[in-house]
PDB file of N, CA and C in Angstrom:
ATOM      1  N   UNK A   1      12.013  12.008  -4.250  1.00  0.00           N
ATOM      2  CA  UNK A   1      10.797  12.694  -4.652  1.00  0.00           C
ATOM      3  C   UNK A   1      10.344  13.580  -3.487  1.00  0.00           C
ATOM      4  N   UNK A   2      10.045  14.800  -3.757  1.00  0.00           N
ATOM      5  CA  UNK A   2       9.610  15.730  -2.721  1.00  0.00           C
ATOM      6  C   UNK A   2       8.112  15.579  -2.479  1.00  0.00           C
ATOM      7  N   UNK A   3       7.659  16.095  -1.355  1.00  0.00           N
ATOM      8  CA  UNK A   3       6.258  15.937  -0.968  1.00  0.00           C
ATOM      9  C   UNK A   3       5.284  16.395  -2.047  1.00  0.00           C
ATOM     10  N   UNK A   4       5.545  17.541  -2.664  1.00  0.00           N
ATOM     11  CA  UNK A   4       4.625  18.039  -3.686  1.00  0.00           C
ATOM     12  C   UNK A   4       4.572  17.081  -4.873  1.00  0.00           C
ATOM     13  N   UNK A   5       5.709  16.569  -5.274  1.00  0.00           N
ATOM     14  CA  UNK A   5       5.744  15.603  -6.375  1.00  0.00           C
ATOM     15  C   UNK A   5       5.032  14.313  -5.976  1.00  0.00           C
ATOM     16  N   UNK A   6       5.210  13.895  -4.726  1.00  0.00           N
ATOM     17  CA  UNK A   6       4.538  12.689  -4.254  1.00  0.00           C
ATOM     18  C   UNK A   6       3.026  12.887  -4.250  1.00  0.00           C
ATOM     19  N   UNK A   7       2.579  14.042  -3.818  1.00  0.00           N
ATOM     20  CA  UNK A   7       1.140  14.322  -3.811  1.00  0.00           C
ATOM     21  C   UNK A   7       0.576  14.324  -5.233  1.00  0.00           C
ATOM     22  N   UNK A   8       1.332  14.859  -6.175  1.00  0.00           N
ATOM     23  CA  UNK A   8       0.899  14.847  -7.577  1.00  0.00           C
ATOM     24  C   UNK A   8       0.828  13.416  -8.100  1.00  0.00           C
ATOM     25  N   UNK A   9       1.797  12.595  -7.720  1.00  0.00           N
ATOM     26  CA  UNK A   9       1.793  11.200  -8.151  1.00  0.00           C
ATOM     27  C   UNK A   9       0.632  10.448  -7.511  1.00  0.00           C
ATOM     28  N   UNK A  10       0.323  10.756  -6.262  1.00  0.00           N
ATOM     29  CA  UNK A  10      -0.832  10.135  -5.609  1.00  0.00           C
ATOM     30  C   UNK A  10      -2.113  10.512  -6.351  1.00  0.00           C
ATOM     31  N   UNK A  11      -2.236  11.765  -6.748  1.00  0.00           N
ATOM     32  CA  UNK A  11      -3.412  12.211  -7.504  1.00  0.00           C
ATOM     33  C   UNK A  11      -3.503  11.482  -8.845  1.00  0.00           C
ATOM     34  N   UNK A  12      -2.354  11.305  -9.499  1.00  0.00           N
ATOM     35  CA  UNK A  12      -2.341  10.588 -10.778  1.00  0.00           C
ATOM     36  C   UNK A  12      -2.776   9.133 -10.583  1.00  0.00           C
ATOM     37  N   UNK A  13      -2.252   8.498  -9.539  1.00  0.00           N
ATOM     38  CA  UNK A  13      -2.614   7.109  -9.269  1.00  0.00           C
ATOM     39  C   UNK A  13      -4.072   6.980  -8.850  1.00  0.00           C
ATOM     40  N   UNK A  14      -4.589   7.972  -8.155  1.00  0.00           N
ATOM     41  CA  UNK A  14      -5.999   7.962  -7.760  1.00  0.00           C
ATOM     42  C   UNK A  14      -6.890   7.979  -9.005  1.00  0.00           C
ATOM     43  N   UNK A  15      -6.525   8.795  -9.975  1.00  0.00           N
ATOM     44  CA  UNK A  15      -7.290   8.837 -11.234  1.00  0.00           C
ATOM     45  C   UNK A  15      -7.178   7.509 -11.967  1.00  0.00           C
ATOM     46  N   UNK A  16      -5.993   6.929 -11.975  1.00  0.00           N
ATOM     47  CA  UNK A  16      -5.791   5.641 -12.648  1.00  0.00           C
ATOM     48  C   UNK A  16      -6.592   4.532 -11.970  1.00  0.00           C
ATOM     49  N   UNK A  17      -6.622   4.545 -10.642  1.00  0.00           N
ATOM     50  CA  UNK A  17      -7.385   3.546  -9.888  1.00  0.00           C
ATOM     51  C   UNK A  17      -8.879   3.700 -10.177  1.00  0.00           C
ATOM     52  N   UNK A  18      -9.332   4.929 -10.280  1.00  0.00           N
ATOM     53  CA  UNK A  18     -10.747   5.166 -10.577  1.00  0.00           C
ATOM     54  C   UNK A  18     -11.108   4.637 -11.964  1.00  0.00           C
ATOM     55  N   UNK A  19     -10.183   4.775 -12.901  1.00  0.00           N
ATOM     56  CA  UNK A  19     -10.440   4.325 -14.271  1.00  0.00           C
ATOM     57  C   UNK A  19     -10.356   2.810 -14.397  1.00  0.00           C
ATOM     58  N   UNK A  20      -9.363   2.223 -13.738  1.00  0.00           N
ATOM     59  CA  UNK A  20      -9.178   0.777 -13.840  1.00  0.00           C
ATOM     60  C   UNK A  20      -8.405   0.287 -12.607  1.00  0.00           C
ATOM     61  N   UNK A  21      -9.121  -0.103 -11.569  1.00  0.00           N
ATOM     62  CA  UNK A  21      -8.447  -0.529 -10.345  1.00  0.00           C
ATOM     63  C   UNK A  21      -7.674  -1.831 -10.531  1.00  0.00           C
ATOM     64  N   UNK A  22      -6.411  -1.799 -10.161  1.00  0.00           N
ATOM     65  CA  UNK A  22      -5.581  -3.003 -10.201  1.00  0.00           C
ATOM     66  C   UNK A  22      -4.769  -3.083  -8.916  1.00  0.00           C
ATOM     67  N   UNK A  23      -4.322  -4.276  -8.602  1.00  0.00           N
ATOM     68  CA  UNK A  23      -3.485  -4.467  -7.409  1.00  0.00           C
ATOM     69  C   UNK A  23      -2.196  -3.663  -7.517  1.00  0.00           C
ATOM     70  N   UNK A  24      -1.634  -3.595  -8.698  1.00  0.00           N
ATOM     71  CA  UNK A  24      -0.375  -2.860  -8.890  1.00  0.00           C
ATOM     72  C   UNK A  24      -0.562  -1.379  -8.591  1.00  0.00           C
ATOM     73  N   UNK A  25      -1.642  -0.791  -9.094  1.00  0.00           N
ATOM     74  CA  UNK A  25      -1.883   0.638  -8.859  1.00  0.00           C
ATOM     75  C   UNK A  25      -2.123   0.929  -7.378  1.00  0.00           C
ATOM     76  N   UNK A  26      -2.918   0.086  -6.735  1.00  0.00           N
ATOM     77  CA  UNK A  26      -3.151   0.291  -5.302  1.00  0.00           C
ATOM     78  C   UNK A  26      -1.854   0.144  -4.510  1.00  0.00           C
ATOM     79  N   UNK A  27      -1.017  -0.795  -4.899  1.00  0.00           N
ATOM     80  CA  UNK A  27       0.251  -0.994  -4.209  1.00  0.00           C
ATOM     81  C   UNK A  27       1.175   0.199  -4.414  1.00  0.00           C
ATOM     82  N   UNK A  28       1.230   0.717  -5.627  1.00  0.00           N
ATOM     83  CA  UNK A  28       2.065   1.891  -5.887  1.00  0.00           C
ATOM     84  C   UNK A  28       1.610   3.086  -5.059  1.00  0.00           C
ATOM     85  N   UNK A  29       0.297   3.290  -5.011  1.00  0.00           N
ATOM     86  CA  UNK A  29      -0.212   4.410  -4.230  1.00  0.00           C
ATOM     87  C   UNK A  29       0.030   4.178  -2.738  1.00  0.00           C
ATOM     88  N   UNK A  30      -0.132   2.948  -2.290  1.00  0.00           N
ATOM     89  CA  UNK A  30       0.141   2.628  -0.894  1.00  0.00           C
ATOM     90  C   UNK A  30       1.584   2.926  -0.516  1.00  0.00           C
ATOM     91  N   UNK A  31       2.497   2.606  -1.410  1.00  0.00           N
ATOM     92  CA  UNK A  31       3.913   2.876  -1.148  1.00  0.00           C
ATOM     93  C   UNK A  31       4.159   4.378  -0.989  1.00  0.00           C
ATOM     94  N   UNK A  32       3.566   5.181  -1.849  1.00  0.00           N
ATOM     95  CA  UNK A  32       3.717   6.634  -1.734  1.00  0.00           C
ATOM     96  C   UNK A  32       3.088   7.161  -0.451  1.00  0.00           C
ATOM     97  N   UNK A  33       1.912   6.670  -0.119  1.00  0.00           N
ATOM     98  CA  UNK A  33       1.252   7.107   1.114  1.00  0.00           C
ATOM     99  C   UNK A  33       2.099   6.756   2.334  1.00  0.00           C
ATOM    100  N   UNK A  34       2.668   5.563   2.337  1.00  0.00           N
ATOM    101  CA  UNK A  34       3.515   5.150   3.456  1.00  0.00           C
ATOM    102  C   UNK A  34       4.756   6.035   3.554  1.00  0.00           C
ATOM    103  N   UNK A  35       5.306   6.429   2.413  1.00  0.00           N
ATOM    104  CA  UNK A  35       6.497   7.277   2.437  1.00  0.00           C
ATOM    105  C   UNK A  35       6.193   8.651   3.033  1.00  0.00           C
ATOM    106  N   UNK A  36       4.926   9.041   2.997  1.00  0.00           N
ATOM    107  CA  UNK A  36       4.488  10.301   3.605  1.00  0.00           C
ATOM    108  C   UNK A  36       3.970  10.083   5.029  1.00  0.00           C
ATOM    109  N   UNK A  37       4.166   8.874   5.538  1.00  0.00           N
ATOM    110  CA  UNK A  37       3.729   8.496   6.881  1.00  0.00           C
ATOM    111  C   UNK A  37       2.212   8.529   7.043  1.00  0.00           C
ATOM    112  N   UNK A  38       1.506   8.335   5.958  1.00  0.00           N
ATOM    113  CA  UNK A  38       0.046   8.239   5.967  1.00  0.00           C
ATOM    114  C   UNK A  38      -0.299   6.753   5.984  1.00  0.00           C
ATOM    115  N   UNK A  39       0.057   6.119   7.105  1.00  0.00           N
ATOM    116  CA  UNK A  39       0.035   4.662   7.194  1.00  0.00           C
ATOM    117  C   UNK A  39      -1.353   4.051   7.112  1.00  0.00           C
ATOM    118  N   UNK A  40      -2.350   4.673   7.719  1.00  0.00           N
ATOM    119  CA  UNK A  40      -3.696   4.101   7.659  1.00  0.00           C
ATOM    120  C   UNK A  40      -4.208   4.057   6.224  1.00  0.00           C
ATOM    121  N   UNK A  41      -3.949   5.119   5.481  1.00  0.00           N
ATOM    122  CA  UNK A  41      -4.355   5.143   4.071  1.00  0.00           C
ATOM    123  C   UNK A  41      -3.556   4.113   3.272  1.00  0.00           C
ATOM    124  N   UNK A  42      -2.286   3.983   3.581  1.00  0.00           N
ATOM    125  CA  UNK A  42      -1.445   3.004   2.893  1.00  0.00           C
ATOM    126  C   UNK A  42      -1.949   1.594   3.159  1.00  0.00           C
ATOM    127  N   UNK A  43      -2.263   1.300   4.424  1.00  0.00           N
ATOM    128  CA  UNK A  43      -2.778  -0.024   4.775  1.00  0.00           C
ATOM    129  C   UNK A  43      -4.072  -0.313   4.015  1.00  0.00           C
ATOM    130  N   UNK A  44      -4.929   0.677   3.905  1.00  0.00           N
ATOM    131  CA  UNK A  44      -6.179   0.500   3.160  1.00  0.00           C
ATOM    132  C   UNK A  44      -5.900   0.176   1.696  1.00  0.00           C
ATOM    133  N   UNK A  45      -4.936   0.873   1.087  1.00  0.00           N
ATOM    134  CA  UNK A  45      -4.606   0.602  -0.311  1.00  0.00           C
ATOM    135  C   UNK A  45      -3.977  -0.778  -0.481  1.00  0.00           C
ATOM    136  N   UNK A  46      -3.059  -1.131   0.405  1.00  0.00           N
ATOM    137  CA  UNK A  46      -2.461  -2.463   0.320  1.00  0.00           C
ATOM    138  C   UNK A  46      -3.523  -3.543   0.505  1.00  0.00           C
ATOM    139  N   UNK A  47      -4.449  -3.313   1.411  1.00  0.00           N
ATOM    140  CA  UNK A  47      -5.521  -4.289   1.642  1.00  0.00           C
ATOM    141  C   UNK A  47      -6.397  -4.444   0.405  1.00  0.00           C
ATOM    142  N   UNK A  48      -6.699  -3.344  -0.238  1.00  0.00           N
ATOM    143  CA  UNK A  48      -7.503  -3.410  -1.475  1.00  0.00           C
ATOM    144  C   UNK A  48      -6.735  -4.148  -2.561  1.00  0.00           C
ATOM    145  N   UNK A  49      -5.437  -3.915  -2.651  1.00  0.00           N
ATOM    146  CA  UNK A  49      -4.614  -4.636  -3.623  1.00  0.00           C
ATOM    147  C   UNK A  49      -4.676  -6.135  -3.375  1.00  0.00           C
ATOM    148  N   UNK A  50      -4.624  -6.530  -2.118  1.00  0.00           N
ATOM    149  CA  UNK A  50      -4.684  -7.952  -1.762  1.00  0.00           C
ATOM    150  C   UNK A  50      -6.049  -8.539  -2.089  1.00  0.00           C
ATOM    151  N   UNK A  51      -7.109  -7.761  -1.887  1.00  0.00           N
ATOM    152  CA  UNK A  51      -8.444  -8.219  -2.274  1.00  0.00           C
ATOM    153  C   UNK A  51      -8.500  -8.497  -3.770  1.00  0.00           C
ATOM    154  N   UNK A  52      -7.889  -7.623  -4.560  1.00  0.00           N
ATOM    155  CA  UNK A  52      -7.909  -7.777  -6.017  1.00  0.00           C
ATOM    156  C   UNK A  52      -7.003  -8.909  -6.494  1.00  0.00           C
ATOM    157  N   UNK A  53      -5.880  -9.099  -5.787  1.00  0.00           N
ATOM    158  CA  UNK A  53      -4.926 -10.141  -6.169  1.00  0.00           C
ATOM    159  C   UNK A  53      -4.280 -10.714  -4.912  1.00  0.00           C
ATOM    160  N   UNK A  54      -4.855 -11.798  -4.375  1.00  0.00           N
ATOM    161  CA  UNK A  54      -4.344 -12.380  -3.135  1.00  0.00           C
ATOM    162  C   UNK A  54      -2.902 -12.905  -3.234  1.00  0.00           C
ATOM    163  N   UNK A  55      -2.338 -12.971  -4.410  1.00  0.00           N
ATOM    164  CA  UNK A  55      -0.965 -13.441  -4.592  1.00  0.00           C
ATOM    165  C   UNK A  55       0.029 -12.302  -4.820  1.00  0.00           C
ATOM    166  N   UNK A  56      -0.406 -11.072  -4.631  1.00  0.00           N
ATOM    167  CA  UNK A  56       0.448  -9.911  -4.885  1.00  0.00           C
ATOM    168  C   UNK A  56       1.358  -9.674  -3.672  1.00  0.00           C
ATOM    169  N   UNK A  57       2.551 -10.256  -3.722  1.00  0.00           N
ATOM    170  CA  UNK A  57       3.439 -10.243  -2.555  1.00  0.00           C
ATOM    171  C   UNK A  57       3.887  -8.844  -2.156  1.00  0.00           C
ATOM    172  N   UNK A  58       4.036  -7.951  -3.101  1.00  0.00           N
ATOM    173  CA  UNK A  58       4.464  -6.586  -2.755  1.00  0.00           C
ATOM    174  C   UNK A  58       3.431  -5.874  -1.889  1.00  0.00           C
ATOM    175  N   UNK A  59       2.169  -6.189  -2.090  1.00  0.00           N
ATOM    176  CA  UNK A  59       1.131  -5.592  -1.254  1.00  0.00           C
ATOM    177  C   UNK A  59       1.245  -6.110   0.178  1.00  0.00           C
ATOM    178  N   UNK A  60       1.521  -7.398   0.321  1.00  0.00           N
ATOM    179  CA  UNK A  60       1.692  -7.957   1.667  1.00  0.00           C
ATOM    180  C   UNK A  60       2.911  -7.350   2.364  1.00  0.00           C
ATOM    181  N   UNK A  61       4.023  -7.236   1.656  1.00  0.00           N
ATOM    182  CA  UNK A  61       5.223  -6.690   2.303  1.00  0.00           C
ATOM    183  C   UNK A  61       5.054  -5.202   2.613  1.00  0.00           C
ATOM    184  N   UNK A  62       4.401  -4.464   1.722  1.00  0.00           N
ATOM    185  CA  UNK A  62       4.139  -3.054   1.987  1.00  0.00           C
ATOM    186  C   UNK A  62       3.233  -2.878   3.188  1.00  0.00           C
ATOM    187  N   UNK A  63       2.189  -3.709   3.243  1.00  0.00           N
ATOM    188  CA  UNK A  63       1.265  -3.608   4.370  1.00  0.00           C
ATOM    189  C   UNK A  63       1.955  -4.016   5.670  1.00  0.00           C
ATOM    190  N   UNK A  64       2.811  -5.034   5.601  1.00  0.00           N
ATOM    191  CA  UNK A  64       3.560  -5.445   6.795  1.00  0.00           C
ATOM    192  C   UNK A  64       4.438  -4.303   7.299  1.00  0.00           C
ATOM    193  N   UNK A  65       5.083  -3.593   6.389  1.00  0.00           N
ATOM    194  CA  UNK A  65       5.911  -2.445   6.788  1.00  0.00           C
ATOM    195  C   UNK A  65       5.062  -1.339   7.412  1.00  0.00           C
ATOM    196  N   UNK A  66       3.895  -1.084   6.834  1.00  0.00           N
ATOM    197  CA  UNK A  66       3.015  -0.054   7.383  1.00  0.00           C
ATOM    198  C   UNK A  66       2.475  -0.474   8.749  1.00  0.00           C
ATOM    199  N   UNK A  67       2.125  -1.749   8.889  1.00  0.00           N
ATOM    200  CA  UNK A  67       1.696  -2.242  10.193  1.00  0.00           C
ATOM    201  C   UNK A  67       2.812  -2.066  11.221  1.00  0.00           C
ATOM    202  N   UNK A  68       4.034  -2.398  10.836  1.00  0.00           N
ATOM    203  CA  UNK A  68       5.169  -2.256  11.747  1.00  0.00           C
ATOM    204  C   UNK A  68       5.342  -0.806  12.170  1.00  0.00           C
ATOM    205  N   UNK A  69       5.217   0.112  11.225  1.00  0.00           N
ATOM    206  CA  UNK A  69       5.384   1.541  11.520  1.00  0.00           C
ATOM    207  C   UNK A  69       4.338   2.045  12.504  1.00  0.00           C
ATOM    208  N   UNK A  70       3.190   1.374  12.553  1.00  0.00           N
ATOM    209  CA  UNK A  70       2.122   1.794  13.467  1.00  0.00           C
ATOM    210  C   UNK A  70       2.052   0.929  14.721  1.00  0.00           C
ATOM    211  N   UNK A  71       3.054   0.065  14.892  1.00  0.00           N
ATOM    212  CA  UNK A  71       3.115  -0.763  16.091  1.00  0.00           C
ATOM    213  C   UNK A  71       2.201  -1.967  16.086  1.00  0.00           C
ATOM    214  N   UNK A  72       1.684  -2.319  14.931  1.00  0.00           N
ATOM    215  CA  UNK A  72       0.767  -3.462  14.812  1.00  0.00           C
ATOM    216  C   UNK A  72       1.568  -4.687  14.379  1.00  0.00           C
ATOM    217  N   UNK A  73       2.385  -5.184  15.284  1.00  0.00           N
ATOM    218  CA  UNK A  73       3.374  -6.204  14.966  1.00  0.00           C
ATOM    219  C   UNK A  73       2.781  -7.576  14.661  1.00  0.00           C
ATOM    220  N   UNK A  74       1.707  -7.938  15.326  1.00  0.00           N
ATOM    221  CA  UNK A  74       1.089  -9.249  15.060  1.00  0.00           C
ATOM    222  C   UNK A  74       0.528  -9.285  13.642  1.00  0.00           C
ATOM    223  N   UNK A  75      -0.124  -8.197  13.231  1.00  0.00           N
ATOM    224  CA  UNK A  75      -0.655  -8.134  11.870  1.00  0.00           C
ATOM    225  C   UNK A  75       0.481  -8.121  10.845  1.00  0.00           C
ATOM    226  N   UNK A  76       1.564  -7.420  11.175  1.00  0.00           N
ATOM    227  CA  UNK A  76       2.721  -7.388  10.283  1.00  0.00           C
ATOM    228  C   UNK A  76       3.297  -8.779  10.116  1.00  0.00           C
ATOM    229  N   UNK A  77       3.437  -9.500  11.211  1.00  0.00           N
ATOM    230  CA  UNK A  77       3.983 -10.852  11.156  1.00  0.00           C
ATOM    231  C   UNK A  77       3.098 -11.777  10.328  1.00  0.00           C
ATOM    232  N   UNK A  78       1.790 -11.618  10.455  1.00  0.00           N
ATOM    233  CA  UNK A  78       0.863 -12.430   9.665  1.00  0.00           C
ATOM    234  C   UNK A  78       1.073 -12.194   8.176  1.00  0.00           C
ATOM    235  N   UNK A  79       1.271 -10.933   7.785  1.00  0.00           N
ATOM    236  CA  UNK A  79       1.509 -10.638   6.367  1.00  0.00           C
ATOM    237  C   UNK A  79       2.843 -11.198   5.905  1.00  0.00           C
ATOM    238  N   UNK A  80       3.871 -11.082   6.731  1.00  0.00           N
ATOM    239  CA  UNK A  80       5.173 -11.621   6.361  1.00  0.00           C
ATOM    240  C   UNK A  80       5.085 -13.130   6.174  1.00  0.00           C
ATOM    241  N   UNK A  81       4.362 -13.798   7.044  1.00  0.00           N
ATOM    242  CA  UNK A  81       4.213 -15.251   6.920  1.00  0.00           C
ATOM    243  C   UNK A  81       3.483 -15.654   5.650  1.00  0.00           C
ATOM    244  N   UNK A  82       2.579 -14.820   5.168  1.00  0.00           N
ATOM    245  CA  UNK A  82       1.870 -15.122   3.920  1.00  0.00           C
ATOM    246  C   UNK A  82       2.806 -15.049   2.717  1.00  0.00           C
ATOM    247  N   UNK A  83       3.821 -14.225   2.816  1.00  0.00           N
ATOM    248  CA  UNK A  83       4.758 -14.052   1.711  1.00  0.00           C
ATOM    249  C   UNK A  83       5.765 -15.209   1.672  1.00  0.00           C
ATOM    250  N   UNK A  84       6.092 -15.740   2.836  1.00  0.00           N
ATOM    251  CA  UNK A  84       7.103 -16.804   2.913  1.00  0.00           C
ATOM    252  C   UNK A  84       6.622 -18.118   2.371  1.00  0.00           C
TER     253      UNK A  84
END
């Protein structure tokens, strides 16, 4: 997916989240944001997904990857341990 397509998908997911916020939607948007190296925004979306569904393992693994990309290894390890 190219950047323009990713930005369009982020806009679509933003509208979907506004209409009906779910952990899955926040996680999907977080994944796209992370792929664009917008890690702080991705971490925020993954965190919101976890607030909505504390058992959503994909949000924890996505956030752990984003933490790792930003050098926040202790926080990443904490998320990985929650998934295990």
